[in-house]
Amino acid sequence: MAARSASSAKPVIGVLAVQGDFREHLDTLETIGAIGREVRLPADLHGLSGLILPGGESTAMRKLLHRWNLVAPIRDLAARGAPILGTCAGAIILANRIADGDEPVLSLLDVEVRRNAFGRQLESFEADLQMRGLRSDGGALTMHAVFIRAPEILSVGAKAETVATLDDGRVVAARQGNVLGISFHPEIAGEVRVHRWLVNQARRTRIAPAR
């Protein structure tokens, strides 16, 4: 049997597994028939076509990313065109400005965020919202979103665009090319379309060779 071409092979999506709810993201990828890989070390990034930064505790995640020398390789993966998704704390890790005083980590998304802007664990909530940026025709999708100790995107810079807001106008999702940061948890809500977007982007994108 002839080997499958690179274009027909399934893309491998990494999930940062140093802290947080990475298992739920891996389960969601499995649900949609995608291949997921736990990422803990720089070597785990080799051969990936996309990456998910999960929710969790952003301060702990930041320390572990630096300790295990993952910052530069993840930036390089994004620069080579791989789609990157950050959910909740993952969106904080992507941001280039953090209102709470923490130093930015990856600076891949031109936004300013505030940690825990919607309250603590007991103040978690769910909401329906319209999300753009996932459909090829530019239309919006109605999405049920779960917010748990969620960050707010306070401002969106010129390089990024707002793709979802709450009814009160607060920004909860922004995109900058191949990088998408969202304040909510699709993997907890049983929402697969964000992950499907990531996989489809990875399938369509020819990732440049590693530097």
N, C-alpha and C. Protein backbone atom coordinates (compact mmCIF):
# COMPACT_ATOMS: atom_id res chain seq x y z
N MET A 1 0.85 -1.20 0.00
CA MET A 1 0.00 0.00 0.00
C MET A 1 0.88 1.24 0.00
N ALA A 2 0.56 2.21 -0.83
CA ALA A 2 1.36 3.43 -0.90
C ALA A 2 1.20 4.24 0.36
N ALA A 3 2.28 4.89 0.77
CA ALA A 3 2.22 5.74 1.96
C ALA A 3 1.33 6.94 1.69
N ARG A 4 0.66 7.40 2.72
CA ARG A 4 -0.19 8.57 2.57
C ARG A 4 0.67 9.81 2.36
N SER A 5 0.18 10.74 1.59
CA SER A 5 0.89 12.00 1.39
C SER A 5 0.79 12.84 2.63
N ALA A 6 1.70 13.83 2.77
CA ALA A 6 1.69 14.70 3.94
C ALA A 6 0.38 15.45 4.05
N SER A 7 -0.23 15.79 2.89
CA SER A 7 -1.45 16.58 2.92
C SER A 7 -2.63 15.77 3.43
N SER A 8 -2.59 14.40 3.25
CA SER A 8 -3.70 13.57 3.69
C SER A 8 -3.50 13.02 5.08
N ALA A 9 -2.28 13.07 5.61
CA ALA A 9 -2.00 12.56 6.94
C ALA A 9 -2.67 13.45 7.99
N LYS A 10 -3.07 12.82 9.09
CA LYS A 10 -3.69 13.59 10.16
C LYS A 10 -2.65 14.47 10.84
N PRO A 11 -2.97 15.74 11.09
CA PRO A 11 -2.05 16.58 11.84
C PRO A 11 -1.99 16.15 13.30
N VAL A 12 -0.85 16.33 13.91
CA VAL A 12 -0.67 16.02 15.33
C VAL A 12 -0.76 17.32 16.12
N ILE A 13 -1.69 17.38 17.07
CA ILE A 13 -1.92 18.58 17.87
C ILE A 13 -1.36 18.36 19.27
N GLY A 14 -0.46 19.22 19.68
CA GLY A 14 0.09 19.13 21.02
C GLY A 14 -0.80 19.83 22.03
N VAL A 15 -0.80 19.33 23.25
CA VAL A 15 -1.49 19.98 24.36
C VAL A 15 -0.48 20.16 25.49
N LEU A 16 -0.23 21.40 25.86
CA LEU A 16 0.71 21.67 26.94
C LEU A 16 0.23 20.96 28.20
N ALA A 17 1.06 20.08 28.75
CA ALA A 17 0.63 19.22 29.85
C ALA A 17 1.47 19.43 31.10
N VAL A 18 1.89 20.66 31.33
CA VAL A 18 2.68 20.95 32.52
C VAL A 18 1.79 21.26 33.72
N GLN A 19 0.53 21.65 33.46
CA GLN A 19 -0.38 22.05 34.54
C GLN A 19 -1.74 22.33 33.92
N GLY A 20 -2.82 22.18 34.69
CA GLY A 20 -4.13 22.56 34.20
C GLY A 20 -4.93 21.39 33.62
N ASP A 21 -5.99 21.72 32.88
CA ASP A 21 -6.94 20.70 32.42
C ASP A 21 -6.59 20.16 31.02
N PHE A 22 -5.35 19.76 30.86
CA PHE A 22 -4.90 19.29 29.55
C PHE A 22 -5.61 18.00 29.13
N ARG A 23 -5.98 17.16 30.11
CA ARG A 23 -6.63 15.90 29.76
C ARG A 23 -7.94 16.12 29.02
N GLU A 24 -8.72 17.11 29.43
CA GLU A 24 -9.99 17.40 28.76
C GLU A 24 -9.79 17.80 27.30
N HIS A 25 -8.71 18.53 27.03
CA HIS A 25 -8.41 18.91 25.64
C HIS A 25 -8.02 17.68 24.81
N LEU A 26 -7.22 16.81 25.40
CA LEU A 26 -6.86 15.58 24.69
C LEU A 26 -8.09 14.74 24.39
N ASP A 27 -9.01 14.67 25.35
CA ASP A 27 -10.25 13.92 25.13
C ASP A 27 -11.08 14.54 24.01
N THR A 28 -11.12 15.88 23.96
CA THR A 28 -11.88 16.55 22.91
C THR A 28 -11.27 16.28 21.54
N LEU A 29 -9.95 16.32 21.46
CA LEU A 29 -9.27 16.00 20.20
C LEU A 29 -9.60 14.57 19.76
N GLU A 30 -9.60 13.65 20.72
CA GLU A 30 -9.94 12.26 20.39
C GLU A 30 -11.38 12.15 19.90
N THR A 31 -12.28 12.94 20.51
CA THR A 31 -13.69 12.91 20.12
C THR A 31 -13.88 13.27 18.65
N ILE A 32 -13.08 14.22 18.15
CA ILE A 32 -13.24 14.66 16.76
C ILE A 32 -12.30 13.90 15.81
N GLY A 33 -11.67 12.85 16.32
CA GLY A 33 -10.84 12.01 15.47
C GLY A 33 -9.46 12.56 15.19
N ALA A 34 -9.00 13.49 16.03
CA ALA A 34 -7.68 14.09 15.83
C ALA A 34 -6.65 13.38 16.70
N ILE A 35 -5.40 13.58 16.38
CA ILE A 35 -4.30 13.00 17.13
C ILE A 35 -3.75 14.05 18.10
N GLY A 36 -3.76 13.74 19.39
CA GLY A 36 -3.23 14.65 20.40
C GLY A 36 -1.96 14.10 21.01
N ARG A 37 -1.11 15.02 21.47
CA ARG A 37 0.15 14.62 22.12
C ARG A 37 0.40 15.52 23.32
N GLU A 38 0.73 14.93 24.45
CA GLU A 38 1.09 15.71 25.63
C GLU A 38 2.45 16.37 25.40
N VAL A 39 2.55 17.65 25.78
CA VAL A 39 3.79 18.41 25.60
C VAL A 39 4.29 18.85 26.97
N ARG A 40 5.48 18.39 27.33
CA ARG A 40 6.11 18.80 28.58
C ARG A 40 7.53 19.32 28.37
N LEU A 41 8.16 18.89 27.30
CA LEU A 41 9.55 19.25 27.03
C LEU A 41 9.66 19.75 25.59
N PRO A 42 10.71 20.52 25.28
CA PRO A 42 10.87 21.02 23.92
C PRO A 42 10.83 19.92 22.86
N ALA A 43 11.37 18.75 23.16
CA ALA A 43 11.38 17.67 22.18
C ALA A 43 9.97 17.23 21.80
N ASP A 44 9.01 17.43 22.71
CA ASP A 44 7.63 17.02 22.43
C ASP A 44 6.98 17.89 21.36
N LEU A 45 7.58 19.04 21.06
CA LEU A 45 7.03 19.94 20.04
C LEU A 45 7.41 19.53 18.62
N HIS A 46 8.39 18.66 18.50
CA HIS A 46 8.87 18.26 17.17
C HIS A 46 7.76 17.53 16.41
N GLY A 47 7.51 17.96 15.20
CA GLY A 47 6.53 17.30 14.36
C GLY A 47 5.09 17.72 14.59
N LEU A 48 4.86 18.68 15.49
CA LEU A 48 3.50 19.13 15.74
C LEU A 48 2.99 20.03 14.62
N SER A 49 1.68 19.98 14.40
CA SER A 49 1.03 20.87 13.43
C SER A 49 0.18 21.93 14.11
N GLY A 50 0.07 21.89 15.43
CA GLY A 50 -0.71 22.86 16.19
C GLY A 50 -0.50 22.61 17.67
N LEU A 51 -0.93 23.58 18.49
CA LEU A 51 -0.69 23.49 19.93
C LEU A 51 -1.83 24.14 20.70
N ILE A 52 -2.22 23.50 21.81
CA ILE A 52 -3.22 24.04 22.72
C ILE A 52 -2.57 24.34 24.06
N LEU A 53 -2.81 25.54 24.58
CA LEU A 53 -2.40 25.93 25.92
C LEU A 53 -3.66 25.92 26.78
N PRO A 54 -3.78 25.00 27.73
CA PRO A 54 -5.05 24.80 28.44
C PRO A 54 -5.25 25.79 29.57
N GLY A 55 -6.44 25.69 30.18
CA GLY A 55 -6.70 26.44 31.39
C GLY A 55 -5.94 25.83 32.57
N GLY A 56 -5.85 26.59 33.63
CA GLY A 56 -5.13 26.15 34.82
C GLY A 56 -4.78 27.35 35.67
N GLU A 57 -3.57 27.37 36.20
CA GLU A 57 -3.10 28.49 37.01
C GLU A 57 -1.97 29.15 36.24
N SER A 58 -2.20 30.36 35.76
CA SER A 58 -1.26 30.97 34.82
C SER A 58 0.11 31.24 35.43
N THR A 59 0.16 31.58 36.72
CA THR A 59 1.46 31.84 37.35
C THR A 59 2.30 30.57 37.41
N ALA A 60 1.68 29.47 37.81
CA ALA A 60 2.39 28.19 37.84
C ALA A 60 2.81 27.77 36.44
N MET A 61 1.92 27.98 35.48
CA MET A 61 2.22 27.61 34.10
C MET A 61 3.40 28.42 33.57
N ARG A 62 3.42 29.71 33.89
CA ARG A 62 4.52 30.58 33.44
C ARG A 62 5.85 30.07 33.99
N LYS A 63 5.90 29.74 35.27
CA LYS A 63 7.14 29.27 35.88
C LYS A 63 7.62 27.97 35.24
N LEU A 64 6.68 27.07 34.98
CA LEU A 64 7.06 25.78 34.40
C LEU A 64 7.50 25.92 32.94
N LEU A 65 6.88 26.82 32.20
CA LEU A 65 7.31 27.05 30.82
C LEU A 65 8.75 27.54 30.77
N HIS A 66 9.10 28.42 31.69
CA HIS A 66 10.49 28.92 31.74
C HIS A 66 11.44 27.83 32.26
N ARG A 67 11.01 27.11 33.28
CA ARG A 67 11.88 26.10 33.88
C ARG A 67 12.24 25.02 32.87
N TRP A 68 11.27 24.64 32.05
CA TRP A 68 11.50 23.55 31.10
C TRP A 68 11.83 24.05 29.69
N ASN A 69 12.20 25.33 29.61
CA ASN A 69 12.73 25.91 28.36
C ASN A 69 11.78 25.71 27.17
N LEU A 70 10.49 25.99 27.42
CA LEU A 70 9.49 25.83 26.37
C LEU A 70 9.11 27.13 25.68
N VAL A 71 9.49 28.26 26.24
CA VAL A 71 9.01 29.54 25.70
C VAL A 71 9.50 29.76 24.27
N ALA A 72 10.80 29.71 24.07
CA ALA A 72 11.35 29.96 22.73
C ALA A 72 10.86 28.95 21.69
N PRO A 73 10.83 27.64 22.00
CA PRO A 73 10.32 26.69 21.00
C PRO A 73 8.86 26.89 20.64
N ILE A 74 8.02 27.30 21.60
CA ILE A 74 6.62 27.56 21.28
C ILE A 74 6.49 28.80 20.41
N ARG A 75 7.26 29.83 20.73
CA ARG A 75 7.26 31.02 19.87
C ARG A 75 7.69 30.67 18.45
N ASP A 76 8.68 29.81 18.34
CA ASP A 76 9.16 29.40 17.01
C ASP A 76 8.09 28.62 16.26
N LEU A 77 7.38 27.74 16.97
CA LEU A 77 6.30 26.97 16.34
C LEU A 77 5.23 27.90 15.78
N ALA A 78 4.86 28.92 16.56
CA ALA A 78 3.87 29.89 16.09
C ALA A 78 4.39 30.68 14.90
N ALA A 79 5.66 31.08 14.96
CA ALA A 79 6.25 31.85 13.86
C ALA A 79 6.31 31.05 12.57
N ARG A 80 6.36 29.74 12.68
CA ARG A 80 6.40 28.88 11.49
C ARG A 80 5.02 28.59 10.93
N GLY A 81 3.99 29.16 11.58
CA GLY A 81 2.64 29.08 11.02
C GLY A 81 1.69 28.12 11.68
N ALA A 82 2.14 27.40 12.70
CA ALA A 82 1.25 26.44 13.36
C ALA A 82 0.15 27.17 14.12
N PRO A 83 -1.10 26.72 14.03
CA PRO A 83 -2.16 27.36 14.81
C PRO A 83 -1.99 27.08 16.30
N ILE A 84 -2.21 28.11 17.10
CA ILE A 84 -2.05 28.03 18.55
C ILE A 84 -3.35 28.48 19.20
N LEU A 85 -3.87 27.66 20.12
CA LEU A 85 -5.09 27.99 20.86
C LEU A 85 -4.77 28.07 22.34
N GLY A 86 -5.17 29.18 22.97
CA GLY A 86 -5.04 29.31 24.42
C GLY A 86 -6.40 29.50 25.04
N THR A 87 -6.76 28.66 26.01
CA THR A 87 -8.05 28.76 26.69
C THR A 87 -7.84 29.20 28.13
N CYS A 88 -8.60 30.19 28.58
CA CYS A 88 -8.55 30.70 29.95
C CYS A 88 -7.11 31.09 30.32
N ALA A 89 -6.46 30.35 31.22
CA ALA A 89 -5.08 30.68 31.57
C ALA A 89 -4.17 30.65 30.35
N GLY A 90 -4.49 29.80 29.38
CA GLY A 90 -3.70 29.75 28.16
C GLY A 90 -3.73 31.05 27.39
N ALA A 91 -4.88 31.76 27.46
CA ALA A 91 -4.97 33.07 26.81
C ALA A 91 -4.07 34.09 27.50
N ILE A 92 -3.94 33.97 28.82
CA ILE A 92 -3.03 34.85 29.56
C ILE A 92 -1.59 34.60 29.12
N ILE A 93 -1.24 33.34 28.95
CA ILE A 93 0.11 32.98 28.52
C ILE A 93 0.41 33.54 27.13
N LEU A 94 -0.61 33.64 26.28
CA LEU A 94 -0.42 34.16 24.92
C LEU A 94 -0.27 35.68 24.88
N ALA A 95 -0.90 36.38 25.83
CA ALA A 95 -1.03 37.84 25.77
C ALA A 95 0.32 38.55 25.86
N ASN A 96 0.39 39.72 25.22
CA ASN A 96 1.63 40.50 25.35
C ASN A 96 1.54 41.59 26.40
N ARG A 97 0.38 41.70 27.07
CA ARG A 97 0.24 42.65 28.19
C ARG A 97 -0.68 42.04 29.24
N ILE A 98 -0.27 42.14 30.52
CA ILE A 98 -1.06 41.60 31.63
C ILE A 98 -1.26 42.70 32.65
N ALA A 99 -2.53 43.04 32.89
CA ALA A 99 -2.84 44.20 33.75
C ALA A 99 -2.46 43.97 35.20
N ASP A 100 -2.39 42.72 35.63
CA ASP A 100 -2.15 42.43 37.04
C ASP A 100 -0.69 42.58 37.44
N GLY A 101 0.18 42.88 36.51
CA GLY A 101 1.58 43.10 36.86
C GLY A 101 2.51 41.96 36.52
N ASP A 102 1.97 40.78 36.18
CA ASP A 102 2.82 39.67 35.77
C ASP A 102 3.52 39.99 34.45
N GLU A 103 4.71 39.44 34.30
CA GLU A 103 5.43 39.61 33.04
C GLU A 103 4.79 38.74 31.96
N PRO A 104 4.62 39.26 30.75
CA PRO A 104 4.11 38.43 29.65
C PRO A 104 5.03 37.23 29.43
N VAL A 105 4.47 36.17 28.88
CA VAL A 105 5.24 34.94 28.68
C VAL A 105 5.57 34.75 27.20
N LEU A 106 4.58 34.47 26.38
CA LEU A 106 4.82 34.21 24.96
C LEU A 106 4.68 35.44 24.08
N SER A 107 3.83 36.38 24.48
CA SER A 107 3.61 37.62 23.71
C SER A 107 3.29 37.33 22.24
N LEU A 108 2.38 36.40 22.03
CA LEU A 108 1.97 36.04 20.67
C LEU A 108 0.64 36.66 20.27
N LEU A 109 -0.05 37.30 21.21
CA LEU A 109 -1.37 37.86 20.94
C LEU A 109 -1.40 39.30 21.45
N ASP A 110 -1.72 40.23 20.55
CA ASP A 110 -1.67 41.66 20.85
C ASP A 110 -2.90 42.09 21.64
N VAL A 111 -2.94 41.66 22.91
CA VAL A 111 -4.06 42.01 23.80
C VAL A 111 -3.52 42.28 25.19
N GLU A 112 -4.35 42.99 25.98
CA GLU A 112 -4.09 43.14 27.41
C GLU A 112 -5.16 42.36 28.15
N VAL A 113 -4.74 41.53 29.11
CA VAL A 113 -5.68 40.70 29.85
C VAL A 113 -5.59 41.00 31.35
N ARG A 114 -6.67 40.68 32.05
CA ARG A 114 -6.69 40.74 33.51
C ARG A 114 -7.07 39.38 34.05
N ARG A 115 -6.25 38.84 34.91
CA ARG A 115 -6.50 37.52 35.50
C ARG A 115 -7.71 37.56 36.42
N ASN A 116 -8.48 36.46 36.43
CA ASN A 116 -9.62 36.29 37.34
C ASN A 116 -10.59 37.47 37.31
N ALA A 117 -10.75 38.07 36.16
CA ALA A 117 -11.58 39.28 36.06
C ALA A 117 -13.05 39.01 36.34
N PHE A 118 -13.49 37.77 36.16
CA PHE A 118 -14.90 37.44 36.36
C PHE A 118 -15.14 36.79 37.71
N GLY A 119 -14.16 36.86 38.61
CA GLY A 119 -14.35 36.31 39.94
C GLY A 119 -13.67 34.97 40.13
N ARG A 120 -13.86 34.44 41.33
CA ARG A 120 -13.22 33.19 41.72
C ARG A 120 -14.07 31.99 41.33
N GLN A 121 -13.67 30.82 41.83
CA GLN A 121 -14.31 29.56 41.45
C GLN A 121 -15.82 29.58 41.67
N LEU A 122 -16.26 30.12 42.81
CA LEU A 122 -17.69 30.11 43.13
C LEU A 122 -18.50 31.03 42.22
N GLU A 123 -17.82 31.93 41.52
CA GLU A 123 -18.50 32.87 40.63
C GLU A 123 -18.43 32.43 39.17
N SER A 124 -18.12 31.16 38.96
CA SER A 124 -18.12 30.61 37.60
C SER A 124 -19.51 30.73 37.00
N PHE A 125 -19.57 30.88 35.68
CA PHE A 125 -20.86 31.04 35.03
C PHE A 125 -20.80 30.51 33.60
N GLU A 126 -21.97 30.41 32.99
CA GLU A 126 -22.09 29.98 31.60
C GLU A 126 -22.87 31.03 30.83
N ALA A 127 -22.57 31.14 29.54
CA ALA A 127 -23.25 32.14 28.71
C ALA A 127 -23.21 31.70 27.25
N ASP A 128 -24.22 32.10 26.51
CA ASP A 128 -24.22 31.90 25.06
C ASP A 128 -23.64 33.15 24.40
N LEU A 129 -22.82 32.96 23.41
CA LEU A 129 -22.20 34.10 22.72
C LEU A 129 -22.05 33.79 21.24
N GLN A 130 -21.79 34.84 20.49
CA GLN A 130 -21.53 34.74 19.06
C GLN A 130 -20.02 34.83 18.85
N MET A 131 -19.46 33.84 18.17
CA MET A 131 -18.02 33.82 17.95
C MET A 131 -17.71 33.82 16.46
N ARG A 132 -16.92 34.79 16.05
CA ARG A 132 -16.45 34.88 14.67
C ARG A 132 -15.04 34.31 14.58
N GLY A 133 -14.55 34.20 13.36
CA GLY A 133 -13.17 33.79 13.17
C GLY A 133 -12.96 32.30 13.01
N LEU A 134 -14.02 31.51 13.16
CA LEU A 134 -13.88 30.07 13.02
C LEU A 134 -14.39 29.56 11.68
N ARG A 135 -15.29 30.31 11.06
CA ARG A 135 -15.86 29.90 9.78
C ARG A 135 -15.10 30.54 8.63
N SER A 136 -14.95 29.80 7.56
CA SER A 136 -14.21 30.32 6.40
C SER A 136 -14.92 31.49 5.74
N ASP A 137 -16.26 31.58 5.90
CA ASP A 137 -16.99 32.68 5.29
C ASP A 137 -17.06 33.91 6.20
N GLY A 138 -16.42 33.84 7.36
CA GLY A 138 -16.40 34.99 8.27
C GLY A 138 -17.61 35.13 9.14
N GLY A 139 -18.59 34.25 8.99
CA GLY A 139 -19.81 34.33 9.79
C GLY A 139 -19.58 33.92 11.24
N ALA A 140 -20.59 34.20 12.06
CA ALA A 140 -20.49 33.91 13.49
C ALA A 140 -21.15 32.58 13.82
N LEU A 141 -20.66 31.95 14.88
CA LEU A 141 -21.24 30.73 15.41
C LEU A 141 -21.81 31.01 16.80
N THR A 142 -23.00 30.50 17.08
CA THR A 142 -23.53 30.58 18.44
C THR A 142 -22.87 29.50 19.28
N MET A 143 -22.30 29.90 20.40
CA MET A 143 -21.51 28.98 21.20
C MET A 143 -21.89 29.10 22.67
N HIS A 144 -22.02 27.95 23.34
CA HIS A 144 -22.26 27.94 24.78
C HIS A 144 -20.90 27.90 25.47
N ALA A 145 -20.62 28.89 26.30
CA ALA A 145 -19.30 29.04 26.89
C ALA A 145 -19.35 28.90 28.40
N VAL A 146 -18.34 28.22 28.95
CA VAL A 146 -18.19 28.03 30.39
C VAL A 146 -17.00 28.86 30.86
N PHE A 147 -17.24 29.71 31.85
CA PHE A 147 -16.20 30.60 32.39
C PHE A 147 -15.88 30.19 33.82
N ILE A 148 -14.62 29.86 34.09
CA ILE A 148 -14.17 29.45 35.42
C ILE A 148 -12.93 30.25 35.77
N ARG A 149 -13.04 31.15 36.74
CA ARG A 149 -11.92 32.04 37.11
C ARG A 149 -11.32 32.66 35.84
N ALA A 150 -12.18 33.15 35.01
CA ALA A 150 -11.78 33.53 33.66
C ALA A 150 -11.10 34.90 33.60
N PRO A 151 -10.14 35.05 32.69
CA PRO A 151 -9.57 36.37 32.43
C PRO A 151 -10.47 37.16 31.49
N GLU A 152 -10.35 38.47 31.56
CA GLU A 152 -11.01 39.34 30.60
C GLU A 152 -9.96 39.94 29.67
N ILE A 153 -10.30 40.07 28.41
CA ILE A 153 -9.44 40.76 27.47
C ILE A 153 -9.81 42.23 27.51
N LEU A 154 -8.98 43.02 28.16
CA LEU A 154 -9.29 44.43 28.40
C LEU A 154 -9.18 45.27 27.14
N SER A 155 -8.21 44.98 26.32
CA SER A 155 -8.03 45.75 25.08
C SER A 155 -7.40 44.86 24.03
N VAL A 156 -7.71 45.17 22.78
CA VAL A 156 -7.21 44.41 21.64
C VAL A 156 -6.41 45.36 20.77
N GLY A 157 -5.13 45.04 20.57
CA GLY A 157 -4.25 45.91 19.80
C GLY A 157 -4.49 45.81 18.31
N ALA A 158 -3.71 46.59 17.57
CA ALA A 158 -3.90 46.70 16.12
C ALA A 158 -3.60 45.41 15.37
N LYS A 159 -2.76 44.55 15.95
CA LYS A 159 -2.39 43.32 15.25
C LYS A 159 -3.42 42.21 15.41
N ALA A 160 -4.32 42.36 16.38
CA ALA A 160 -5.31 41.31 16.67
C ALA A 160 -6.71 41.83 16.38
N GLU A 161 -7.69 40.94 16.46
CA GLU A 161 -9.09 41.32 16.27
C GLU A 161 -9.96 40.63 17.30
N THR A 162 -11.00 41.32 17.73
CA THR A 162 -11.98 40.74 18.64
C THR A 162 -12.85 39.75 17.87
N VAL A 163 -13.04 38.55 18.43
CA VAL A 163 -13.89 37.57 17.75
C VAL A 163 -15.06 37.12 18.61
N ALA A 164 -15.11 37.50 19.89
CA ALA A 164 -16.28 37.18 20.71
C ALA A 164 -16.35 38.12 21.91
N THR A 165 -17.58 38.53 22.22
CA THR A 165 -17.83 39.36 23.40
C THR A 165 -19.04 38.81 24.13
N LEU A 166 -19.17 39.18 25.41
CA LEU A 166 -20.39 38.91 26.15
C LEU A 166 -21.44 39.96 25.79
N ASP A 167 -22.66 39.77 26.27
CA ASP A 167 -23.73 40.72 25.97
C ASP A 167 -23.42 42.12 26.49
N ASP A 168 -22.61 42.21 27.55
CA ASP A 168 -22.27 43.52 28.11
C ASP A 168 -21.08 44.17 27.40
N GLY A 169 -20.57 43.52 26.36
CA GLY A 169 -19.49 44.10 25.57
C GLY A 169 -18.09 43.68 25.98
N ARG A 170 -17.95 42.96 27.08
CA ARG A 170 -16.61 42.54 27.49
C ARG A 170 -16.06 41.50 26.52
N VAL A 171 -14.80 41.70 26.15
CA VAL A 171 -14.17 40.84 25.14
C VAL A 171 -13.69 39.54 25.80
N VAL A 172 -14.04 38.42 25.18
CA VAL A 172 -13.65 37.12 25.73
C VAL A 172 -12.93 36.23 24.71
N ALA A 173 -12.67 36.75 23.52
CA ALA A 173 -11.89 35.99 22.53
C ALA A 173 -11.28 36.94 21.52
N ALA A 174 -10.03 36.69 21.17
CA ALA A 174 -9.33 37.50 20.18
C ALA A 174 -8.42 36.61 19.35
N ARG A 175 -8.21 37.02 18.11
CA ARG A 175 -7.39 36.24 17.20
C ARG A 175 -6.37 37.13 16.52
N GLN A 176 -5.18 36.58 16.34
CA GLN A 176 -4.12 37.26 15.59
C GLN A 176 -3.52 36.24 14.63
N GLY A 177 -4.05 36.20 13.42
CA GLY A 177 -3.56 35.23 12.45
C GLY A 177 -3.80 33.81 12.90
N ASN A 178 -2.73 33.07 13.13
CA ASN A 178 -2.83 31.67 13.53
C ASN A 178 -2.93 31.48 15.04
N VAL A 179 -3.06 32.56 15.80
CA VAL A 179 -3.12 32.49 17.26
C VAL A 179 -4.50 32.93 17.74
N LEU A 180 -5.14 32.10 18.57
CA LEU A 180 -6.47 32.38 19.09
C LEU A 180 -6.46 32.23 20.60
N GLY A 181 -6.88 33.29 21.30
CA GLY A 181 -6.98 33.25 22.75
C GLY A 181 -8.42 33.45 23.18
N ILE A 182 -8.93 32.57 24.05
CA ILE A 182 -10.30 32.67 24.52
C ILE A 182 -10.34 32.55 26.03
N SER A 183 -11.30 33.23 26.66
CA SER A 183 -11.39 33.25 28.12
C SER A 183 -12.14 32.06 28.69
N PHE A 184 -12.80 31.30 27.85
CA PHE A 184 -13.70 30.25 28.33
C PHE A 184 -13.15 28.86 28.00
N HIS A 185 -13.94 27.84 28.40
CA HIS A 185 -13.50 26.45 28.32
C HIS A 185 -14.40 25.63 27.40
N PRO A 186 -14.13 25.57 26.10
CA PRO A 186 -14.95 24.72 25.22
C PRO A 186 -14.83 23.25 25.57
N GLU A 187 -13.68 22.85 26.07
CA GLU A 187 -13.44 21.44 26.38
C GLU A 187 -14.30 20.95 27.55
N ILE A 188 -14.74 21.87 28.41
CA ILE A 188 -15.60 21.52 29.53
C ILE A 188 -17.07 21.55 29.12
N ALA A 189 -17.40 22.45 28.20
CA ALA A 189 -18.79 22.60 27.76
C ALA A 189 -19.22 21.54 26.75
N GLY A 190 -18.29 20.69 26.32
CA GLY A 190 -18.61 19.72 25.27
C GLY A 190 -18.68 20.35 23.90
N GLU A 191 -18.09 21.53 23.75
CA GLU A 191 -18.06 22.27 22.49
C GLU A 191 -16.81 21.87 21.72
N VAL A 192 -16.99 21.31 20.51
CA VAL A 192 -15.85 20.79 19.76
C VAL A 192 -15.43 21.69 18.60
N ARG A 193 -16.20 22.72 18.30
CA ARG A 193 -15.94 23.48 17.07
C ARG A 193 -14.66 24.31 17.13
N VAL A 194 -14.26 24.74 18.32
CA VAL A 194 -12.99 25.47 18.43
C VAL A 194 -11.83 24.52 18.12
N HIS A 195 -11.89 23.33 18.68
CA HIS A 195 -10.85 22.34 18.42
C HIS A 195 -10.86 21.91 16.95
N ARG A 196 -12.05 21.79 16.39
CA ARG A 196 -12.14 21.41 14.97
C ARG A 196 -11.52 22.50 14.09
N TRP A 197 -11.73 23.77 14.46
CA TRP A 197 -11.09 24.87 13.73
C TRP A 197 -9.57 24.72 13.78
N LEU A 198 -9.04 24.44 14.97
CA LEU A 198 -7.59 24.29 15.12
C LEU A 198 -7.06 23.17 14.23
N VAL A 199 -7.74 22.04 14.25
CA VAL A 199 -7.30 20.90 13.44
C VAL A 199 -7.39 21.23 11.95
N ASN A 200 -8.46 21.88 11.54
CA ASN A 200 -8.60 22.25 10.13
C ASN A 200 -7.53 23.24 9.70
N GLN A 201 -7.22 24.19 10.58
CA GLN A 201 -6.14 25.14 10.28
C GLN A 201 -4.82 24.40 10.14
N ALA A 202 -4.57 23.46 11.03
CA ALA A 202 -3.33 22.69 10.98
C ALA A 202 -3.24 21.87 9.70
N ARG A 203 -4.37 21.33 9.29
CA ARG A 203 -4.40 20.50 8.08
C ARG A 203 -4.11 21.34 6.83
N ARG A 204 -4.57 22.59 6.84
CA ARG A 204 -4.41 23.45 5.66
C ARG A 204 -3.08 24.18 5.62
N THR A 205 -2.37 24.19 6.73
CA THR A 205 -1.16 25.01 6.83
C THR A 205 0.09 24.17 6.61
N ARG A 206 0.96 24.65 5.76
CA ARG A 206 2.26 24.01 5.59
C ARG A 206 3.23 24.64 6.59
N ILE A 207 3.58 23.88 7.61
CA ILE A 207 4.44 24.40 8.66
C ILE A 207 5.87 24.50 8.14
N ALA A 208 6.48 25.66 8.30
CA ALA A 208 7.86 25.85 7.86
C ALA A 208 8.79 24.97 8.70
N PRO A 209 9.95 24.57 8.15
CA PRO A 209 10.90 23.76 8.91
C PRO A 209 11.37 24.48 10.16
N ALA A 210 11.72 23.71 11.18
CA ALA A 210 12.24 24.30 12.42
C ALA A 210 13.54 25.01 12.14
N ARG A 211 13.76 26.09 12.90
CA ARG A 211 14.98 26.87 12.69
C ARG A 211 16.16 26.20 13.37
